[in-house]
Amino acid sequence: MKRGTLTAVCITIAGAFSIGVPPAFAYLGPGAGLSAIGAFVALILGVILAFVGFIWYPVKRLMRTGKAAGVSPSAPRQTPHADEEGA
């Protein structure tokens, strides 16, 4: 059976079963909506914090390590001793 045919059969069967279903008069209070919004916000913040933790901090550490390899402008200059000047 081809994929398109299988999809059409499944949709037809689901439609046939849903014809005689009475509506469910259920009440979803405001707490359900707030919980859904809170879960969505937590998901978005979790993705952002995962980005910061797994990508930004290692990059920041590599950048800091790269700067530490060079000479810092605030480091004191080392002057050669009198006997090292060649005189």
PDB file of N, CA and C in Angstrom:
ATOM      1  N   MET A   1       0.851  -1.164   0.000  1.00  0.00           N
ATOM      2  CA  MET A   1       0.000   0.000   0.000  1.00  0.00           C
ATOM      3  C   MET A   1       0.900   1.232   0.000  1.00  0.00           C
ATOM      4  N   LYS A   2       0.608   2.191  -0.857  1.00  0.00           N
ATOM      5  CA  LYS A   2       1.418   3.398  -0.949  1.00  0.00           C
ATOM      6  C   LYS A   2       1.136   4.315   0.230  1.00  0.00           C
ATOM      7  N   ARG A   3       2.079   5.220   0.458  1.00  0.00           N
ATOM      8  CA  ARG A   3       1.968   6.115   1.603  1.00  0.00           C
ATOM      9  C   ARG A   3       0.755   7.036   1.481  1.00  0.00           C
ATOM     10  N   GLY A   4       0.492   7.564   0.309  1.00  0.00           N
ATOM     11  CA  GLY A   4      -0.657   8.445   0.115  1.00  0.00           C
ATOM     12  C   GLY A   4      -1.976   7.724   0.331  1.00  0.00           C
ATOM     13  N   THR A   5      -2.050   6.474  -0.093  1.00  0.00           N
ATOM     14  CA  THR A   5      -3.257   5.680   0.089  1.00  0.00           C
ATOM     15  C   THR A   5      -3.488   5.381   1.564  1.00  0.00           C
ATOM     16  N   LEU A   6      -2.416   5.055   2.268  1.00  0.00           N
ATOM     17  CA  LEU A   6      -2.516   4.773   3.703  1.00  0.00           C
ATOM     18  C   LEU A   6      -2.986   6.007   4.470  1.00  0.00           C
ATOM     19  N   THR A   7      -2.482   7.166   4.100  1.00  0.00           N
ATOM     20  CA  THR A   7      -2.902   8.405   4.754  1.00  0.00           C
ATOM     21  C   THR A   7      -4.392   8.666   4.505  1.00  0.00           C
ATOM     22  N   ALA A   8      -4.834   8.454   3.283  1.00  0.00           N
ATOM     23  CA  ALA A   8      -6.242   8.677   2.968  1.00  0.00           C
ATOM     24  C   ALA A   8      -7.142   7.717   3.742  1.00  0.00           C
ATOM     25  N   VAL A   9      -6.713   6.465   3.875  1.00  0.00           N
ATOM     26  CA  VAL A   9      -7.504   5.480   4.631  1.00  0.00           C
ATOM     27  C   VAL A   9      -7.579   5.878   6.101  1.00  0.00           C
ATOM     28  N   CYS A  10      -6.473   6.315   6.673  1.00  0.00           N
ATOM     29  CA  CYS A  10      -6.462   6.708   8.093  1.00  0.00           C
ATOM     30  C   CYS A  10      -7.352   7.926   8.339  1.00  0.00           C
ATOM     31  N   ILE A  11      -7.304   8.899   7.435  1.00  0.00           N
ATOM     32  CA  ILE A  11      -8.147  10.087   7.583  1.00  0.00           C
ATOM     33  C   ILE A  11      -9.623   9.716   7.447  1.00  0.00           C
ATOM     34  N   THR A  12      -9.945   8.810   6.542  1.00  0.00           N
ATOM     35  CA  THR A  12     -11.328   8.378   6.364  1.00  0.00           C
ATOM     36  C   THR A  12     -11.843   7.655   7.604  1.00  0.00           C
ATOM     37  N   ILE A  13     -11.033   6.787   8.178  1.00  0.00           N
ATOM     38  CA  ILE A  13     -11.440   6.053   9.382  1.00  0.00           C
ATOM     39  C   ILE A  13     -11.618   7.011  10.561  1.00  0.00           C
ATOM     40  N   ALA A  14     -10.678   7.971  10.721  1.00  0.00           N
ATOM     41  CA  ALA A  14     -10.793   8.944  11.817  1.00  0.00           C
ATOM     42  C   ALA A  14     -12.038   9.801  11.638  1.00  0.00           C
ATOM     43  N   GLY A  15     -12.343  10.188  10.410  1.00  0.00           N
ATOM     44  CA  GLY A  15     -13.548  10.973  10.147  1.00  0.00           C
ATOM     45  C   GLY A  15     -14.812  10.193  10.441  1.00  0.00           C
ATOM     46  N   ALA A  16     -14.818   8.896  10.111  1.00  0.00           N
ATOM     47  CA  ALA A  16     -15.989   8.064  10.362  1.00  0.00           C
ATOM     48  C   ALA A  16     -16.236   7.903  11.862  1.00  0.00           C
ATOM     49  N   PHE A  17     -15.176   7.753  12.628  1.00  0.00           N
ATOM     50  CA  PHE A  17     -15.344   7.605  14.075  1.00  0.00           C
ATOM     51  C   PHE A  17     -15.769   8.910  14.748  1.00  0.00           C
ATOM     52  N   SER A  18     -15.414  10.047  14.164  1.00  0.00           N
ATOM     53  CA  SER A  18     -15.728  11.316  14.810  1.00  0.00           C
ATOM     54  C   SER A  18     -17.100  11.867  14.431  1.00  0.00           C
ATOM     55  N   ILE A  19     -17.827  11.191  13.555  1.00  0.00           N
ATOM     56  CA  ILE A  19     -19.147  11.684  13.151  1.00  0.00           C
ATOM     57  C   ILE A  19     -20.147  11.617  14.303  1.00  0.00           C
ATOM     58  N   GLY A  20     -20.195  10.531  15.020  1.00  0.00           N
ATOM     59  CA  GLY A  20     -21.209  10.356  16.054  1.00  0.00           C
ATOM     60  C   GLY A  20     -20.763  10.741  17.456  1.00  0.00           C
ATOM     61  N   VAL A  21     -19.666  11.452  17.589  1.00  0.00           N
ATOM     62  CA  VAL A  21     -19.157  11.803  18.920  1.00  0.00           C
ATOM     63  C   VAL A  21     -19.871  13.055  19.416  1.00  0.00           C
ATOM     64  N   PRO A  22     -20.492  12.980  20.604  1.00  0.00           N
ATOM     65  CA  PRO A  22     -21.148  14.172  21.147  1.00  0.00           C
ATOM     66  C   PRO A  22     -20.104  15.147  21.703  1.00  0.00           C
ATOM     67  N   PRO A  23     -20.410  16.427  21.758  1.00  0.00           N
ATOM     68  CA  PRO A  23     -19.451  17.394  22.292  1.00  0.00           C
ATOM     69  C   PRO A  23     -19.236  17.171  23.789  1.00  0.00           C
ATOM     70  N   ALA A  24     -18.022  17.368  24.225  1.00  0.00           N
ATOM     71  CA  ALA A  24     -17.699  17.244  25.648  1.00  0.00           C
ATOM     72  C   ALA A  24     -17.758  18.639  26.260  1.00  0.00           C
ATOM     73  N   PHE A  25     -18.767  18.880  27.059  1.00  0.00           N
ATOM     74  CA  PHE A  25     -18.928  20.180  27.689  1.00  0.00           C
ATOM     75  C   PHE A  25     -18.024  20.246  28.912  1.00  0.00           C
ATOM     76  N   ALA A  26     -16.766  20.449  28.653  1.00  0.00           N
ATOM     77  CA  ALA A  26     -15.778  20.472  29.732  1.00  0.00           C
ATOM     78  C   ALA A  26     -15.352  21.904  29.978  1.00  0.00           C
ATOM     79  N   TYR A  27     -15.084  22.200  31.218  1.00  0.00           N
ATOM     80  CA  TYR A  27     -14.634  23.539  31.598  1.00  0.00           C
ATOM     81  C   TYR A  27     -13.156  23.481  31.911  1.00  0.00           C
ATOM     82  N   LEU A  28     -12.402  24.262  31.189  1.00  0.00           N
ATOM     83  CA  LEU A  28     -10.988  24.410  31.478  1.00  0.00           C
ATOM     84  C   LEU A  28     -10.816  25.773  32.115  1.00  0.00           C
ATOM     85  N   GLY A  29     -10.540  25.795  33.382  1.00  0.00           N
ATOM     86  CA  GLY A  29     -10.436  27.052  34.108  1.00  0.00           C
ATOM     87  C   GLY A  29      -9.248  27.890  33.690  1.00  0.00           C
ATOM     88  N   PRO A  30      -9.149  29.081  34.258  1.00  0.00           N
ATOM     89  CA  PRO A  30      -8.040  29.975  33.914  1.00  0.00           C
ATOM     90  C   PRO A  30      -6.688  29.413  34.347  1.00  0.00           C
ATOM     91  N   GLY A  31      -6.692  28.514  35.302  1.00  0.00           N
ATOM     92  CA  GLY A  31      -5.434  27.911  35.739  1.00  0.00           C
ATOM     93  C   GLY A  31      -4.785  27.075  34.655  1.00  0.00           C
ATOM     94  N   ALA A  32      -5.603  26.451  33.809  1.00  0.00           N
ATOM     95  CA  ALA A  32      -5.046  25.637  32.725  1.00  0.00           C
ATOM     96  C   ALA A  32      -4.345  26.521  31.701  1.00  0.00           C
ATOM     97  N   GLY A  33      -4.939  27.661  31.388  1.00  0.00           N
ATOM     98  CA  GLY A  33      -4.317  28.593  30.454  1.00  0.00           C
ATOM     99  C   GLY A  33      -3.032  29.174  31.007  1.00  0.00           C
ATOM    100  N   LEU A  34      -3.063  29.555  32.267  1.00  0.00           N
ATOM    101  CA  LEU A  34      -1.853  30.107  32.895  1.00  0.00           C
ATOM    102  C   LEU A  34      -0.754  29.059  32.991  1.00  0.00           C
ATOM    103  N   SER A  35      -1.142  27.827  33.235  1.00  0.00           N
ATOM    104  CA  SER A  35      -0.146  26.755  33.283  1.00  0.00           C
ATOM    105  C   SER A  35       0.478  26.524  31.911  1.00  0.00           C
ATOM    106  N   ALA A  36      -0.335  26.581  30.877  1.00  0.00           N
ATOM    107  CA  ALA A  36       0.189  26.408  29.522  1.00  0.00           C
ATOM    108  C   ALA A  36       1.131  27.549  29.151  1.00  0.00           C
ATOM    109  N   ILE A  37       0.745  28.775  29.497  1.00  0.00           N
ATOM    110  CA  ILE A  37       1.615  29.924  29.222  1.00  0.00           C
ATOM    111  C   ILE A  37       2.906  29.817  30.013  1.00  0.00           C
ATOM    112  N   GLY A  38       2.815  29.423  31.281  1.00  0.00           N
ATOM    113  CA  GLY A  38       4.013  29.265  32.111  1.00  0.00           C
ATOM    114  C   GLY A  38       4.942  28.189  31.579  1.00  0.00           C
ATOM    115  N   ALA A  39       4.374  27.094  31.108  1.00  0.00           N
ATOM    116  CA  ALA A  39       5.205  26.026  30.545  1.00  0.00           C
ATOM    117  C   ALA A  39       5.896  26.493  29.263  1.00  0.00           C
ATOM    118  N   PHE A  40       5.198  27.266  28.439  1.00  0.00           N
ATOM    119  CA  PHE A  40       5.795  27.779  27.207  1.00  0.00           C
ATOM    120  C   PHE A  40       6.929  28.755  27.519  1.00  0.00           C
ATOM    121  N   VAL A  41       6.715  29.643  28.476  1.00  0.00           N
ATOM    122  CA  VAL A  41       7.762  30.600  28.866  1.00  0.00           C
ATOM    123  C   VAL A  41       8.964  29.852  29.444  1.00  0.00           C
ATOM    124  N   ALA A  42       8.709  28.834  30.250  1.00  0.00           N
ATOM    125  CA  ALA A  42       9.811  28.044  30.817  1.00  0.00           C
ATOM    126  C   ALA A  42      10.589  27.328  29.720  1.00  0.00           C
ATOM    127  N   LEU A  43       9.893  26.841  28.715  1.00  0.00           N
ATOM    128  CA  LEU A  43      10.573  26.184  27.595  1.00  0.00           C
ATOM    129  C   LEU A  43      11.476  27.164  26.848  1.00  0.00           C
ATOM    130  N   ILE A  44      10.964  28.348  26.559  1.00  0.00           N
ATOM    131  CA  ILE A  44      11.752  29.352  25.848  1.00  0.00           C
ATOM    132  C   ILE A  44      12.959  29.764  26.684  1.00  0.00           C
ATOM    133  N   LEU A  45      12.767  30.024  27.970  1.00  0.00           N
ATOM    134  CA  LEU A  45      13.890  30.406  28.828  1.00  0.00           C
ATOM    135  C   LEU A  45      14.897  29.275  28.968  1.00  0.00           C
ATOM    136  N   GLY A  46      14.430  28.044  29.001  1.00  0.00           N
ATOM    137  CA  GLY A  46      15.348  26.904  29.073  1.00  0.00           C
ATOM    138  C   GLY A  46      16.219  26.803  27.841  1.00  0.00           C
ATOM    139  N   VAL A  47      15.634  27.059  26.673  1.00  0.00           N
ATOM    140  CA  VAL A  47      16.419  27.031  25.431  1.00  0.00           C
ATOM    141  C   VAL A  47      17.449  28.159  25.432  1.00  0.00           C
ATOM    142  N   ILE A  48      17.042  29.339  25.874  1.00  0.00           N
ATOM    143  CA  ILE A  48      17.977  30.472  25.918  1.00  0.00           C
ATOM    144  C   ILE A  48      19.110  30.197  26.902  1.00  0.00           C
ATOM    145  N   LEU A  49      18.794  29.690  28.082  1.00  0.00           N
ATOM    146  CA  LEU A  49      19.837  29.397  29.065  1.00  0.00           C
ATOM    147  C   LEU A  49      20.736  28.256  28.620  1.00  0.00           C
ATOM    148  N   ALA A  50      20.189  27.305  27.892  1.00  0.00           N
ATOM    149  CA  ALA A  50      21.029  26.240  27.348  1.00  0.00           C
ATOM    150  C   ALA A  50      22.005  26.809  26.326  1.00  0.00           C
ATOM    151  N   PHE A  51      21.537  27.740  25.502  1.00  0.00           N
ATOM    152  CA  PHE A  51      22.429  28.403  24.558  1.00  0.00           C
ATOM    153  C   PHE A  51      23.539  29.143  25.288  1.00  0.00           C
ATOM    154  N   VAL A  52      23.175  29.880  26.305  1.00  0.00           N
ATOM    155  CA  VAL A  52      24.172  30.643  27.058  1.00  0.00           C
ATOM    156  C   VAL A  52      25.159  29.708  27.737  1.00  0.00           C
ATOM    157  N   GLY A  53      24.671  28.656  28.333  1.00  0.00           N
ATOM    158  CA  GLY A  53      25.541  27.763  29.091  1.00  0.00           C
ATOM    159  C   GLY A  53      26.445  26.907  28.230  1.00  0.00           C
ATOM    160  N   PHE A  54      25.949  26.426  27.116  1.00  0.00           N
ATOM    161  CA  PHE A  54      26.726  25.489  26.312  1.00  0.00           C
ATOM    162  C   PHE A  54      27.510  26.145  25.177  1.00  0.00           C
ATOM    163  N   ILE A  55      27.116  27.360  24.795  1.00  0.00           N
ATOM    164  CA  ILE A  55      27.790  27.989  23.667  1.00  0.00           C
ATOM    165  C   ILE A  55      28.503  29.274  24.084  1.00  0.00           C
ATOM    166  N   TRP A  56      27.809  30.187  24.758  1.00  0.00           N
ATOM    167  CA  TRP A  56      28.394  31.495  25.024  1.00  0.00           C
ATOM    168  C   TRP A  56      29.532  31.414  26.034  1.00  0.00           C
ATOM    169  N   TYR A  57      29.395  30.722  27.144  1.00  0.00           N
ATOM    170  CA  TYR A  57      30.455  30.692  28.147  1.00  0.00           C
ATOM    171  C   TYR A  57      31.743  30.044  27.637  1.00  0.00           C
ATOM    172  N   PRO A  58      31.705  28.921  26.920  1.00  0.00           N
ATOM    173  CA  PRO A  58      32.965  28.403  26.364  1.00  0.00           C
ATOM    174  C   PRO A  58      33.608  29.364  25.361  1.00  0.00           C
ATOM    175  N   VAL A  59      32.800  30.037  24.538  1.00  0.00           N
ATOM    176  CA  VAL A  59      33.354  31.008  23.601  1.00  0.00           C
ATOM    177  C   VAL A  59      33.972  32.174  24.362  1.00  0.00           C
ATOM    178  N   LYS A  60      33.300  32.616  25.394  1.00  0.00           N
ATOM    179  CA  LYS A  60      33.819  33.708  26.215  1.00  0.00           C
ATOM    180  C   LYS A  60      35.136  33.302  26.875  1.00  0.00           C
ATOM    181  N   ARG A  61      35.205  32.072  27.342  1.00  0.00           N
ATOM    182  CA  ARG A  61      36.438  31.580  27.965  1.00  0.00           C
ATOM    183  C   ARG A  61      37.576  31.509  26.944  1.00  0.00           C
ATOM    184  N   LEU A  62      37.274  31.065  25.719  1.00  0.00           N
ATOM    185  CA  LEU A  62      38.300  31.025  24.677  1.00  0.00           C
ATOM    186  C   LEU A  62      38.778  32.428  24.322  1.00  0.00           C
ATOM    187  N   MET A  63      37.870  33.379  24.287  1.00  0.00           N
ATOM    188  CA  MET A  63      38.259  34.750  23.992  1.00  0.00           C
ATOM    189  C   MET A  63      39.146  35.310  25.097  1.00  0.00           C
ATOM    190  N   ARG A  64      38.816  35.005  26.331  1.00  0.00           N
ATOM    191  CA  ARG A  64      39.621  35.477  27.454  1.00  0.00           C
ATOM    192  C   ARG A  64      40.996  34.813  27.436  1.00  0.00           C
ATOM    193  N   THR A  65      41.062  33.532  27.085  1.00  0.00           N
ATOM    194  CA  THR A  65      42.333  32.820  27.008  1.00  0.00           C
ATOM    195  C   THR A  65      43.192  33.402  25.893  1.00  0.00           C
ATOM    196  N   GLY A  66      42.573  33.778  24.785  1.00  0.00           N
ATOM    197  CA  GLY A  66      43.309  34.387  23.681  1.00  0.00           C
ATOM    198  C   GLY A  66      43.906  35.728  24.068  1.00  0.00           C
ATOM    199  N   LYS A  67      43.179  36.504  24.865  1.00  0.00           N
ATOM    200  CA  LYS A  67      43.700  37.792  25.323  1.00  0.00           C
ATOM    201  C   LYS A  67      44.827  37.591  26.328  1.00  0.00           C
ATOM    202  N   ALA A  68      44.737  36.530  27.141  1.00  0.00           N
ATOM    203  CA  ALA A  68      45.756  36.285  28.161  1.00  0.00           C
ATOM    204  C   ALA A  68      47.075  35.873  27.511  1.00  0.00           C
ATOM    205  N   ALA A  69      47.034  35.310  26.316  1.00  0.00           N
ATOM    206  CA  ALA A  69      48.258  34.892  25.643  1.00  0.00           C
ATOM    207  C   ALA A  69      49.059  36.109  25.190  1.00  0.00           C
ATOM    208  N   GLY A  70      48.391  37.200  24.853  1.00  0.00           N
ATOM    209  CA  GLY A  70      49.079  38.420  24.437  1.00  0.00           C
ATOM    210  C   GLY A  70      49.523  39.218  25.653  1.00  0.00           C
ATOM    211  N   VAL A  71      50.228  40.317  25.400  1.00  0.00           N
ATOM    212  CA  VAL A  71      50.702  41.166  26.492  1.00  0.00           C
ATOM    213  C   VAL A  71      49.584  42.109  26.869  1.00  0.00           C
ATOM    214  N   SER A  72      49.312  42.180  28.123  1.00  0.00           N
ATOM    215  CA  SER A  72      48.271  43.055  28.612  1.00  0.00           C
ATOM    216  C   SER A  72      48.812  44.477  28.692  1.00  0.00           C
ATOM    217  N   PRO A  73      48.029  45.477  28.295  1.00  0.00           N
ATOM    218  CA  PRO A  73      48.523  46.850  28.369  1.00  0.00           C
ATOM    219  C   PRO A  73      48.735  47.321  29.798  1.00  0.00           C
ATOM    220  N   SER A  74      48.070  46.726  30.756  1.00  0.00           N
ATOM    221  CA  SER A  74      48.231  47.146  32.142  1.00  0.00           C
ATOM    222  C   SER A  74      49.401  46.439  32.832  1.00  0.00           C
ATOM    223  N   ALA A  75      50.045  45.492  32.150  1.00  0.00           N
ATOM    224  CA  ALA A  75      51.176  44.779  32.747  1.00  0.00           C
ATOM    225  C   ALA A  75      52.385  45.709  32.777  1.00  0.00           C
ATOM    226  N   PRO A  76      53.181  45.636  33.838  1.00  0.00           N
ATOM    227  CA  PRO A  76      54.363  46.498  33.911  1.00  0.00           C
ATOM    228  C   PRO A  76      55.385  46.099  32.859  1.00  0.00           C
ATOM    229  N   ARG A  77      56.040  47.085  32.278  1.00  0.00           N
ATOM    230  CA  ARG A  77      57.065  46.816  31.281  1.00  0.00           C
ATOM    231  C   ARG A  77      58.313  46.321  31.975  1.00  0.00           C
ATOM    232  N   GLN A  78      58.929  45.354  31.359  1.00  0.00           N
ATOM    233  CA  GLN A  78      60.174  44.828  31.906  1.00  0.00           C
ATOM    234  C   GLN A  78      61.334  45.502  31.190  1.00  0.00           C
ATOM    235  N   THR A  79      62.177  46.151  31.965  1.00  0.00           N
ATOM    236  CA  THR A  79      63.344  46.782  31.384  1.00  0.00           C
ATOM    237  C   THR A  79      64.545  45.870  31.553  1.00  0.00           C
ATOM    238  N   PRO A  80      65.433  45.834  30.590  1.00  0.00           N
ATOM    239  CA  PRO A  80      66.604  44.958  30.716  1.00  0.00           C
ATOM    240  C   PRO A  80      67.529  45.484  31.803  1.00  0.00           C
ATOM    241  N   HIS A  81      68.221  44.544  32.417  1.00  0.00           N
ATOM    242  CA  HIS A  81      69.188  44.904  33.464  1.00  0.00           C
ATOM    243  C   HIS A  81      70.432  45.487  32.793  1.00  0.00           C
ATOM    244  N   ALA A  82      71.240  46.113  33.576  1.00  0.00           N
ATOM    245  CA  ALA A  82      72.437  46.763  33.045  1.00  0.00           C
ATOM    246  C   ALA A  82      73.397  45.753  32.416  1.00  0.00           C
ATOM    247  N   ASP A  83      73.507  44.569  33.011  1.00  0.00           N
ATOM    248  CA  ASP A  83      74.448  43.600  32.469  1.00  0.00           C
ATOM    249  C   ASP A  83      73.904  42.916  31.219  1.00  0.00           C
ATOM    250  N   GLU A  84      72.625  43.006  30.923  1.00  0.00           N
ATOM    251  CA  GLU A  84      72.033  42.385  29.741  1.00  0.00           C
ATOM    252  C   GLU A  84      72.035  43.325  28.546  1.00  0.00           C
ATOM    253  N   GLU A  85      72.391  44.606  28.743  1.00  0.00           N
ATOM    254  CA  GLU A  85      72.367  45.547  27.641  1.00  0.00           C
ATOM    255  C   GLU A  85      73.526  45.382  26.720  1.00  0.00           C
ATOM    256  N   GLY A  86      74.479  44.609  27.090  1.00  0.00           N
ATOM    257  CA  GLY A  86      75.641  44.415  26.238  1.00  0.00           C
ATOM    258  C   GLY A  86      76.768  45.376  26.572  1.00  0.00           C
ATOM    259  N   ALA A  87      76.639  46.109  27.660  1.00  0.00           N
ATOM    260  CA  ALA A  87      77.703  47.039  28.016  1.00  0.00           C
ATOM    261  C   ALA A  87      78.425  46.599  29.255  1.00  0.00           C
TER     262      ALA A  87
END
